[in-house]
Amino acid sequence: MPTKGLKKHITSLTKEELLKHIVELGKKYKPVQEYHQLFFENDVEAVVVKYKKQIEDEFYPTRGLPKERLSVARKAITEAKKLGIPAESLADLMFLYVKTGVRFTNDYGDINESFYTSMESMFCKALDFIAKEGLLDNFKDRAYKITEESCNTGWGFHDTLCDYYYEYYKT
């Protein structure tokens, strides 16, 4: 239904019908439920914890072997962004992705080029995002620690993270 038709339909509903429809959407669709949790209940932390767990579980599951599905971990960030979580929380998820990837490669050894490219890309996106949001100072120590923890990795990974770091933190 086009937006114009949707607006016309919604305005024709009674208050009770509209309320019933909104509640039903929350029951049927998990993203709508999370949206309501985030904005109506103001429970940002619960939503962020869920996405942090999704990222960490791809590398360090509570049971079984790591699946290391980068697409699943990145999707958690994309979904959180769609929900409109606060900028600092979104940046936190982006840095968690990279930090967990660095820890994973330190624990398990060299991975592959696409793994490192994904981590580098997210690190650059995170730095660009926090710069635009005026949060560089809030994340300086954390960004530096990520680069330091990557120092024994292959594929030029450490060098690339350092290049990005010094592009934003000219010290």
N, C-alpha and C. Protein backbone atom coordinates (compact mmCIF):
# COMPACT_ATOMS: atom_id res chain seq x y z
N MET A 1 0.86 -1.17 0.00
CA MET A 1 0.00 0.00 0.00
C MET A 1 0.90 1.24 0.00
N PRO A 2 0.73 2.13 -0.96
CA PRO A 2 1.54 3.36 -0.99
C PRO A 2 1.31 4.20 0.27
N THR A 3 2.26 5.05 0.58
CA THR A 3 2.21 5.86 1.79
C THR A 3 0.92 6.68 1.88
N LYS A 4 0.51 7.28 0.77
CA LYS A 4 -0.71 8.10 0.78
C LYS A 4 -1.92 7.27 1.16
N GLY A 5 -2.02 6.07 0.60
CA GLY A 5 -3.13 5.17 0.92
C GLY A 5 -3.06 4.68 2.36
N LEU A 6 -1.85 4.46 2.84
CA LEU A 6 -1.67 4.02 4.22
C LEU A 6 -2.12 5.10 5.19
N LYS A 7 -1.72 6.34 4.92
CA LYS A 7 -2.13 7.45 5.78
C LYS A 7 -3.65 7.60 5.81
N LYS A 8 -4.27 7.46 4.64
CA LYS A 8 -5.71 7.59 4.54
C LYS A 8 -6.38 6.48 5.36
N HIS A 9 -5.86 5.28 5.24
CA HIS A 9 -6.42 4.14 5.97
C HIS A 9 -6.26 4.31 7.48
N ILE A 10 -5.08 4.72 7.90
CA ILE A 10 -4.80 4.88 9.33
C ILE A 10 -5.69 5.96 9.94
N THR A 11 -5.86 7.06 9.23
CA THR A 11 -6.69 8.14 9.77
C THR A 11 -8.17 7.74 9.85
N SER A 12 -8.55 6.72 9.09
CA SER A 12 -9.95 6.27 9.13
C SER A 12 -10.22 5.32 10.31
N LEU A 13 -9.18 4.83 10.95
CA LEU A 13 -9.35 3.90 12.07
C LEU A 13 -9.74 4.64 13.34
N THR A 14 -10.48 3.95 14.18
CA THR A 14 -10.78 4.51 15.50
C THR A 14 -9.53 4.36 16.36
N LYS A 15 -9.51 5.03 17.48
CA LYS A 15 -8.37 4.96 18.39
C LYS A 15 -8.15 3.51 18.85
N GLU A 16 -9.21 2.80 19.14
CA GLU A 16 -9.11 1.42 19.59
C GLU A 16 -8.57 0.51 18.49
N GLU A 17 -9.03 0.71 17.26
CA GLU A 17 -8.56 -0.09 16.12
C GLU A 17 -7.08 0.16 15.86
N LEU A 18 -6.68 1.41 15.95
CA LEU A 18 -5.28 1.77 15.74
C LEU A 18 -4.40 1.15 16.83
N LEU A 19 -4.84 1.23 18.07
CA LEU A 19 -4.10 0.65 19.18
C LEU A 19 -3.96 -0.87 19.00
N LYS A 20 -5.05 -1.51 18.62
CA LYS A 20 -5.03 -2.96 18.38
C LYS A 20 -4.03 -3.30 17.27
N HIS A 21 -4.03 -2.52 16.22
CA HIS A 21 -3.14 -2.74 15.08
C HIS A 21 -1.66 -2.59 15.51
N ILE A 22 -1.36 -1.58 16.29
CA ILE A 22 0.01 -1.35 16.74
C ILE A 22 0.48 -2.50 17.64
N VAL A 23 -0.36 -2.93 18.54
CA VAL A 23 -0.02 -4.05 19.43
C VAL A 23 0.19 -5.31 18.60
N GLU A 24 -0.65 -5.55 17.64
CA GLU A 24 -0.53 -6.74 16.78
C GLU A 24 0.78 -6.71 15.98
N LEU A 25 1.16 -5.55 15.48
CA LEU A 25 2.44 -5.43 14.77
C LEU A 25 3.60 -5.84 15.67
N GLY A 26 3.55 -5.38 16.92
CA GLY A 26 4.60 -5.73 17.86
C GLY A 26 4.66 -7.21 18.17
N LYS A 27 3.52 -7.86 18.18
CA LYS A 27 3.48 -9.30 18.43
C LYS A 27 4.01 -10.09 17.23
N LYS A 28 3.68 -9.65 16.03
CA LYS A 28 4.03 -10.38 14.81
C LYS A 28 5.46 -10.16 14.36
N TYR A 29 5.97 -8.96 14.53
CA TYR A 29 7.26 -8.61 13.94
C TYR A 29 8.26 -8.19 15.01
N LYS A 30 9.31 -8.98 15.14
CA LYS A 30 10.35 -8.73 16.15
C LYS A 30 10.95 -7.33 16.03
N PRO A 31 11.28 -6.85 14.82
CA PRO A 31 11.85 -5.49 14.73
C PRO A 31 10.90 -4.41 15.27
N VAL A 32 9.59 -4.59 15.07
CA VAL A 32 8.63 -3.62 15.59
C VAL A 32 8.62 -3.68 17.11
N GLN A 33 8.69 -4.89 17.65
CA GLN A 33 8.73 -5.07 19.10
C GLN A 33 9.97 -4.38 19.68
N GLU A 34 11.12 -4.55 19.02
CA GLU A 34 12.35 -3.90 19.49
C GLU A 34 12.24 -2.38 19.37
N TYR A 35 11.63 -1.92 18.30
CA TYR A 35 11.44 -0.48 18.12
C TYR A 35 10.60 0.08 19.27
N HIS A 36 9.52 -0.61 19.60
CA HIS A 36 8.67 -0.17 20.72
C HIS A 36 9.45 -0.21 22.03
N GLN A 37 10.22 -1.27 22.23
CA GLN A 37 11.02 -1.39 23.45
C GLN A 37 12.01 -0.23 23.55
N LEU A 38 12.62 0.10 22.45
CA LEU A 38 13.62 1.15 22.44
C LEU A 38 13.02 2.53 22.69
N PHE A 39 11.94 2.85 22.00
CA PHE A 39 11.43 4.20 22.05
C PHE A 39 10.30 4.44 23.05
N PHE A 40 9.45 3.46 23.25
CA PHE A 40 8.36 3.67 24.19
C PHE A 40 8.76 3.33 25.61
N GLU A 41 9.59 2.31 25.75
CA GLU A 41 10.05 1.92 27.08
C GLU A 41 11.41 2.54 27.40
N ASN A 42 12.03 3.18 26.40
CA ASN A 42 13.34 3.81 26.54
C ASN A 42 14.37 2.82 27.10
N ASP A 43 14.32 1.58 26.61
CA ASP A 43 15.21 0.52 27.08
C ASP A 43 16.32 0.28 26.07
N VAL A 44 17.15 1.29 25.88
CA VAL A 44 18.25 1.22 24.92
C VAL A 44 19.21 0.10 25.31
N GLU A 45 19.50 -0.01 26.58
CA GLU A 45 20.49 -0.99 27.04
C GLU A 45 20.10 -2.42 26.68
N ALA A 46 18.84 -2.77 26.85
CA ALA A 46 18.40 -4.13 26.54
C ALA A 46 18.58 -4.43 25.05
N VAL A 47 18.28 -3.46 24.21
CA VAL A 47 18.43 -3.65 22.77
C VAL A 47 19.91 -3.77 22.41
N VAL A 48 20.74 -2.93 22.98
CA VAL A 48 22.18 -2.96 22.70
C VAL A 48 22.80 -4.28 23.17
N VAL A 49 22.40 -4.74 24.34
CA VAL A 49 22.92 -6.01 24.87
C VAL A 49 22.60 -7.16 23.92
N LYS A 50 21.42 -7.16 23.36
CA LYS A 50 21.02 -8.21 22.41
C LYS A 50 21.97 -8.22 21.21
N TYR A 51 22.24 -7.06 20.65
CA TYR A 51 23.10 -7.00 19.47
C TYR A 51 24.56 -7.28 19.81
N LYS A 52 25.00 -6.89 20.99
CA LYS A 52 26.36 -7.23 21.42
C LYS A 52 26.51 -8.75 21.50
N LYS A 53 25.51 -9.39 22.06
CA LYS A 53 25.55 -10.85 22.18
C LYS A 53 25.60 -11.51 20.81
N GLN A 54 24.83 -10.99 19.86
CA GLN A 54 24.85 -11.55 18.50
C GLN A 54 26.24 -11.46 17.90
N ILE A 55 26.90 -10.33 18.08
CA ILE A 55 28.25 -10.15 17.54
C ILE A 55 29.22 -11.11 18.22
N GLU A 56 29.22 -11.11 19.54
CA GLU A 56 30.16 -11.95 20.29
C GLU A 56 29.93 -13.43 20.04
N ASP A 57 28.67 -13.85 19.89
CA ASP A 57 28.37 -15.27 19.68
C ASP A 57 28.92 -15.82 18.37
N GLU A 58 29.12 -14.96 17.39
CA GLU A 58 29.69 -15.44 16.13
C GLU A 58 31.16 -15.85 16.28
N PHE A 59 31.83 -15.25 17.24
CA PHE A 59 33.25 -15.55 17.46
C PHE A 59 33.48 -16.40 18.70
N TYR A 60 32.71 -16.17 19.73
CA TYR A 60 32.86 -16.85 21.01
C TYR A 60 31.50 -17.32 21.53
N PRO A 61 30.94 -18.36 20.91
CA PRO A 61 29.63 -18.84 21.38
C PRO A 61 29.75 -19.50 22.75
N THR A 62 28.67 -19.50 23.48
CA THR A 62 28.69 -20.14 24.79
C THR A 62 28.81 -21.66 24.66
N ARG A 63 28.33 -22.20 23.54
CA ARG A 63 28.46 -23.64 23.27
C ARG A 63 28.86 -23.85 21.83
N GLY A 64 29.68 -24.83 21.61
CA GLY A 64 30.06 -25.18 20.25
C GLY A 64 31.23 -24.35 19.73
N LEU A 65 31.52 -24.58 18.48
CA LEU A 65 32.63 -23.89 17.83
C LEU A 65 32.18 -22.55 17.25
N PRO A 66 33.13 -21.62 17.10
CA PRO A 66 32.78 -20.33 16.49
C PRO A 66 32.28 -20.52 15.06
N LYS A 67 31.25 -19.78 14.71
CA LYS A 67 30.75 -19.85 13.34
C LYS A 67 31.45 -18.82 12.46
N GLU A 68 31.85 -17.72 13.09
CA GLU A 68 32.63 -16.69 12.40
C GLU A 68 31.92 -16.17 11.15
N ARG A 69 30.61 -16.04 11.23
CA ARG A 69 29.85 -15.50 10.09
C ARG A 69 29.85 -13.98 10.23
N LEU A 70 30.73 -13.37 9.48
CA LEU A 70 30.86 -11.91 9.55
C LEU A 70 29.57 -11.22 9.14
N SER A 71 28.86 -11.80 8.20
CA SER A 71 27.61 -11.19 7.73
C SER A 71 26.58 -11.12 8.86
N VAL A 72 26.54 -12.13 9.71
CA VAL A 72 25.59 -12.14 10.83
C VAL A 72 25.99 -11.06 11.85
N ALA A 73 27.27 -10.98 12.14
CA ALA A 73 27.75 -9.98 13.10
C ALA A 73 27.52 -8.56 12.56
N ARG A 74 27.78 -8.35 11.29
CA ARG A 74 27.57 -7.03 10.69
C ARG A 74 26.07 -6.69 10.62
N LYS A 75 25.26 -7.71 10.40
CA LYS A 75 23.81 -7.49 10.33
C LYS A 75 23.28 -6.96 11.66
N ALA A 76 23.87 -7.41 12.75
CA ALA A 76 23.45 -6.91 14.07
C ALA A 76 23.64 -5.40 14.14
N ILE A 77 24.73 -4.92 13.59
CA ILE A 77 25.01 -3.48 13.59
C ILE A 77 24.01 -2.75 12.68
N THR A 78 23.76 -3.32 11.52
CA THR A 78 22.81 -2.72 10.58
C THR A 78 21.41 -2.63 11.19
N GLU A 79 20.98 -3.71 11.85
CA GLU A 79 19.65 -3.71 12.47
C GLU A 79 19.57 -2.68 13.60
N ALA A 80 20.63 -2.59 14.39
CA ALA A 80 20.65 -1.60 15.48
C ALA A 80 20.57 -0.18 14.91
N LYS A 81 21.26 0.03 13.82
CA LYS A 81 21.25 1.34 13.17
C LYS A 81 19.84 1.69 12.66
N LYS A 82 19.16 0.71 12.08
CA LYS A 82 17.80 0.92 11.58
C LYS A 82 16.85 1.30 12.70
N LEU A 83 17.08 0.72 13.88
CA LEU A 83 16.22 1.03 15.02
C LEU A 83 16.43 2.46 15.52
N GLY A 84 17.57 3.04 15.18
CA GLY A 84 17.85 4.41 15.60
C GLY A 84 18.40 4.51 17.01
N ILE A 85 19.23 3.53 17.40
CA ILE A 85 19.82 3.62 18.73
C ILE A 85 20.74 4.84 18.79
N PRO A 86 21.02 5.34 19.97
CA PRO A 86 21.89 6.52 20.08
C PRO A 86 23.25 6.30 19.43
N ALA A 87 23.83 7.38 18.95
CA ALA A 87 25.11 7.32 18.22
C ALA A 87 26.21 6.63 19.02
N GLU A 88 26.31 6.94 20.29
CA GLU A 88 27.37 6.34 21.11
C GLU A 88 27.19 4.82 21.22
N SER A 89 25.97 4.37 21.32
CA SER A 89 25.70 2.93 21.40
C SER A 89 26.01 2.25 20.07
N LEU A 90 25.68 2.90 18.97
CA LEU A 90 25.99 2.34 17.66
C LEU A 90 27.50 2.25 17.46
N ALA A 91 28.21 3.30 17.84
CA ALA A 91 29.68 3.28 17.74
C ALA A 91 30.25 2.18 18.61
N ASP A 92 29.66 1.98 19.77
CA ASP A 92 30.10 0.92 20.68
C ASP A 92 29.99 -0.45 19.99
N LEU A 93 28.89 -0.70 19.30
CA LEU A 93 28.72 -1.97 18.58
C LEU A 93 29.75 -2.12 17.45
N MET A 94 30.00 -1.04 16.75
CA MET A 94 30.98 -1.08 15.66
C MET A 94 32.37 -1.41 16.19
N PHE A 95 32.75 -0.78 17.29
CA PHE A 95 34.05 -1.06 17.88
C PHE A 95 34.10 -2.47 18.47
N LEU A 96 32.99 -2.94 19.01
CA LEU A 96 32.94 -4.30 19.54
C LEU A 96 33.21 -5.31 18.44
N TYR A 97 32.65 -5.09 17.27
CA TYR A 97 32.86 -5.97 16.12
C TYR A 97 34.35 -6.10 15.83
N VAL A 98 35.03 -4.96 15.74
CA VAL A 98 36.45 -4.97 15.41
C VAL A 98 37.28 -5.56 16.56
N LYS A 99 36.97 -5.14 17.78
CA LYS A 99 37.71 -5.64 18.94
C LYS A 99 37.59 -7.16 19.06
N THR A 100 36.38 -7.67 18.84
CA THR A 100 36.16 -9.11 18.93
C THR A 100 36.89 -9.83 17.80
N GLY A 101 36.91 -9.21 16.63
CA GLY A 101 37.66 -9.79 15.50
C GLY A 101 39.16 -9.83 15.77
N VAL A 102 39.69 -8.78 16.37
CA VAL A 102 41.12 -8.74 16.72
C VAL A 102 41.41 -9.82 17.76
N ARG A 103 40.57 -9.91 18.76
CA ARG A 103 40.76 -10.95 19.79
C ARG A 103 40.71 -12.34 19.18
N PHE A 104 39.77 -12.54 18.26
CA PHE A 104 39.61 -13.83 17.61
C PHE A 104 40.86 -14.23 16.82
N THR A 105 41.40 -13.30 16.06
CA THR A 105 42.59 -13.63 15.27
C THR A 105 43.81 -13.83 16.18
N ASN A 106 43.85 -13.11 17.29
CA ASN A 106 44.95 -13.33 18.25
C ASN A 106 44.83 -14.71 18.92
N ASP A 107 43.61 -15.15 19.15
CA ASP A 107 43.40 -16.45 19.79
C ASP A 107 43.56 -17.62 18.83
N TYR A 108 43.14 -17.47 17.59
CA TYR A 108 43.10 -18.59 16.64
C TYR A 108 44.13 -18.51 15.52
N GLY A 109 44.89 -17.43 15.45
CA GLY A 109 45.89 -17.31 14.39
C GLY A 109 45.34 -16.61 13.17
N ASP A 110 46.17 -16.57 12.14
CA ASP A 110 45.78 -15.89 10.90
C ASP A 110 44.47 -16.44 10.36
N ILE A 111 43.63 -15.54 9.91
CA ILE A 111 42.36 -15.94 9.32
C ILE A 111 42.53 -15.83 7.80
N ASN A 112 41.77 -14.99 7.15
CA ASN A 112 41.93 -14.79 5.71
C ASN A 112 41.76 -13.32 5.37
N GLU A 113 42.08 -13.00 4.15
CA GLU A 113 42.07 -11.60 3.74
C GLU A 113 40.70 -10.95 3.87
N SER A 114 39.65 -11.67 3.51
CA SER A 114 38.31 -11.07 3.59
C SER A 114 37.92 -10.78 5.05
N PHE A 115 38.38 -11.60 5.98
CA PHE A 115 38.14 -11.35 7.39
C PHE A 115 38.77 -10.01 7.79
N TYR A 116 40.04 -9.85 7.45
CA TYR A 116 40.75 -8.61 7.82
C TYR A 116 40.17 -7.41 7.10
N THR A 117 39.79 -7.58 5.86
CA THR A 117 39.18 -6.47 5.10
C THR A 117 37.88 -6.02 5.77
N SER A 118 37.09 -6.97 6.24
CA SER A 118 35.85 -6.63 6.92
C SER A 118 36.12 -5.86 8.21
N MET A 119 37.10 -6.30 8.98
CA MET A 119 37.45 -5.62 10.23
C MET A 119 37.97 -4.20 9.94
N GLU A 120 38.83 -4.09 8.95
CA GLU A 120 39.38 -2.78 8.58
C GLU A 120 38.27 -1.83 8.13
N SER A 121 37.37 -2.35 7.33
CA SER A 121 36.27 -1.54 6.83
C SER A 121 35.39 -1.03 7.97
N MET A 122 35.09 -1.91 8.92
CA MET A 122 34.25 -1.51 10.05
C MET A 122 34.99 -0.50 10.93
N PHE A 123 36.28 -0.69 11.12
CA PHE A 123 37.06 0.25 11.93
C PHE A 123 37.03 1.64 11.30
N CYS A 124 37.22 1.68 9.99
CA CYS A 124 37.18 2.96 9.27
C CYS A 124 35.79 3.59 9.35
N LYS A 125 34.75 2.79 9.17
CA LYS A 125 33.36 3.30 9.27
C LYS A 125 33.08 3.82 10.67
N ALA A 126 33.57 3.09 11.67
CA ALA A 126 33.35 3.52 13.05
C ALA A 126 34.03 4.86 13.31
N LEU A 127 35.26 4.99 12.87
CA LEU A 127 35.99 6.24 13.07
C LEU A 127 35.33 7.39 12.33
N ASP A 128 34.90 7.13 11.12
CA ASP A 128 34.21 8.16 10.33
C ASP A 128 32.90 8.56 11.02
N PHE A 129 32.16 7.57 11.50
CA PHE A 129 30.90 7.82 12.18
C PHE A 129 31.10 8.65 13.45
N ILE A 130 32.05 8.26 14.29
CA ILE A 130 32.24 9.00 15.54
C ILE A 130 32.79 10.40 15.29
N ALA A 131 33.54 10.56 14.21
CA ALA A 131 34.03 11.90 13.86
C ALA A 131 32.84 12.79 13.49
N LYS A 132 31.93 12.26 12.67
CA LYS A 132 30.75 13.03 12.26
C LYS A 132 29.84 13.34 13.44
N GLU A 133 29.82 12.44 14.42
CA GLU A 133 28.95 12.62 15.59
C GLU A 133 29.63 13.42 16.71
N GLY A 134 30.88 13.81 16.49
CA GLY A 134 31.60 14.57 17.51
C GLY A 134 31.99 13.74 18.72
N LEU A 135 32.25 12.45 18.51
CA LEU A 135 32.55 11.54 19.61
C LEU A 135 33.99 11.02 19.61
N LEU A 136 34.85 11.64 18.82
CA LEU A 136 36.23 11.14 18.72
C LEU A 136 36.92 11.03 20.08
N ASP A 137 36.78 12.04 20.90
CA ASP A 137 37.43 12.01 22.22
C ASP A 137 36.94 10.85 23.08
N ASN A 138 35.66 10.53 22.96
CA ASN A 138 35.07 9.46 23.77
C ASN A 138 35.64 8.08 23.42
N PHE A 139 36.13 7.92 22.19
CA PHE A 139 36.57 6.61 21.73
C PHE A 139 38.06 6.52 21.44
N LYS A 140 38.81 7.57 21.75
CA LYS A 140 40.24 7.58 21.41
C LYS A 140 40.99 6.42 22.06
N ASP A 141 40.84 6.24 23.35
CA ASP A 141 41.57 5.17 24.04
C ASP A 141 41.16 3.80 23.53
N ARG A 142 39.90 3.63 23.30
CA ARG A 142 39.42 2.33 22.81
C ARG A 142 39.93 2.04 21.40
N ALA A 143 39.93 3.04 20.54
CA ALA A 143 40.44 2.86 19.18
C ALA A 143 41.94 2.53 19.22
N TYR A 144 42.67 3.22 20.08
CA TYR A 144 44.10 2.96 20.20
C TYR A 144 44.36 1.54 20.70
N LYS A 145 43.60 1.12 21.68
CA LYS A 145 43.78 -0.22 22.23
C LYS A 145 43.54 -1.29 21.16
N ILE A 146 42.54 -1.08 20.31
CA ILE A 146 42.27 -2.02 19.22
C ILE A 146 43.48 -2.11 18.30
N THR A 147 44.06 -0.97 17.96
CA THR A 147 45.23 -1.01 17.06
C THR A 147 46.40 -1.72 17.74
N GLU A 148 46.59 -1.47 19.01
CA GLU A 148 47.70 -2.11 19.73
C GLU A 148 47.51 -3.63 19.83
N GLU A 149 46.30 -4.05 20.06
CA GLU A 149 46.03 -5.49 20.20
C GLU A 149 46.15 -6.22 18.86
N SER A 150 46.17 -5.48 17.76
CA SER A 150 46.28 -6.10 16.44
C SER A 150 47.72 -6.23 15.97
N CYS A 151 48.68 -5.88 16.81
CA CYS A 151 50.07 -5.76 16.35
C CYS A 151 50.71 -7.07 15.88
N ASN A 152 50.22 -8.21 16.28
CA ASN A 152 50.83 -9.48 15.87
C ASN A 152 50.02 -10.24 14.83
N THR A 153 49.28 -9.50 14.02
CA THR A 153 48.43 -10.14 13.02
C THR A 153 49.04 -10.01 11.63
N GLY A 154 48.51 -10.80 10.70
CA GLY A 154 49.03 -10.82 9.34
C GLY A 154 48.25 -9.94 8.39
N TRP A 155 48.59 -10.09 7.12
CA TRP A 155 47.91 -9.43 6.01
C TRP A 155 47.98 -7.89 6.08
N GLY A 156 48.92 -7.32 6.82
CA GLY A 156 49.02 -5.87 6.94
C GLY A 156 47.89 -5.27 7.75
N PHE A 157 47.19 -6.11 8.50
CA PHE A 157 46.02 -5.70 9.27
C PHE A 157 46.37 -4.60 10.27
N HIS A 158 47.37 -4.83 11.06
CA HIS A 158 47.78 -3.85 12.06
C HIS A 158 48.13 -2.51 11.41
N ASP A 159 48.89 -2.57 10.33
CA ASP A 159 49.29 -1.34 9.65
C ASP A 159 48.08 -0.55 9.15
N THR A 160 47.11 -1.25 8.61
CA THR A 160 45.91 -0.58 8.09
C THR A 160 45.12 0.06 9.23
N LEU A 161 44.94 -0.67 10.34
CA LEU A 161 44.22 -0.10 11.48
C LEU A 161 44.95 1.13 12.00
N CYS A 162 46.28 1.06 12.07
CA CYS A 162 47.07 2.22 12.52
C CYS A 162 46.91 3.40 11.57
N ASP A 163 46.93 3.13 10.28
CA ASP A 163 46.73 4.21 9.31
C ASP A 163 45.40 4.91 9.54
N TYR A 164 44.33 4.13 9.73
CA TYR A 164 43.02 4.73 9.99
C TYR A 164 43.02 5.50 11.31
N TYR A 165 43.61 4.91 12.32
CA TYR A 165 43.66 5.56 13.63
C TYR A 165 44.34 6.93 13.51
N TYR A 166 45.51 6.96 12.89
CA TYR A 166 46.26 8.23 12.82
C TYR A 166 45.65 9.23 11.84
N GLU A 167 44.79 8.74 10.95
CA GLU A 167 44.06 9.65 10.08
C GLU A 167 43.08 10.49 10.90
N TYR A 168 42.50 9.89 11.93
CA TYR A 168 41.52 10.58 12.76
C TYR A 168 42.10 11.18 14.03
N TYR A 169 43.16 10.55 14.53
CA TYR A 169 43.81 11.03 15.75
C TYR A 169 45.25 11.42 15.43
N LYS A 170 45.39 12.58 14.91
CA LYS A 170 46.71 13.06 14.49
C LYS A 170 47.53 13.46 15.71
N THR A 171 48.25 12.47 16.28
CA THR A 171 49.03 12.75 17.49
C THR A 171 50.50 12.54 17.24
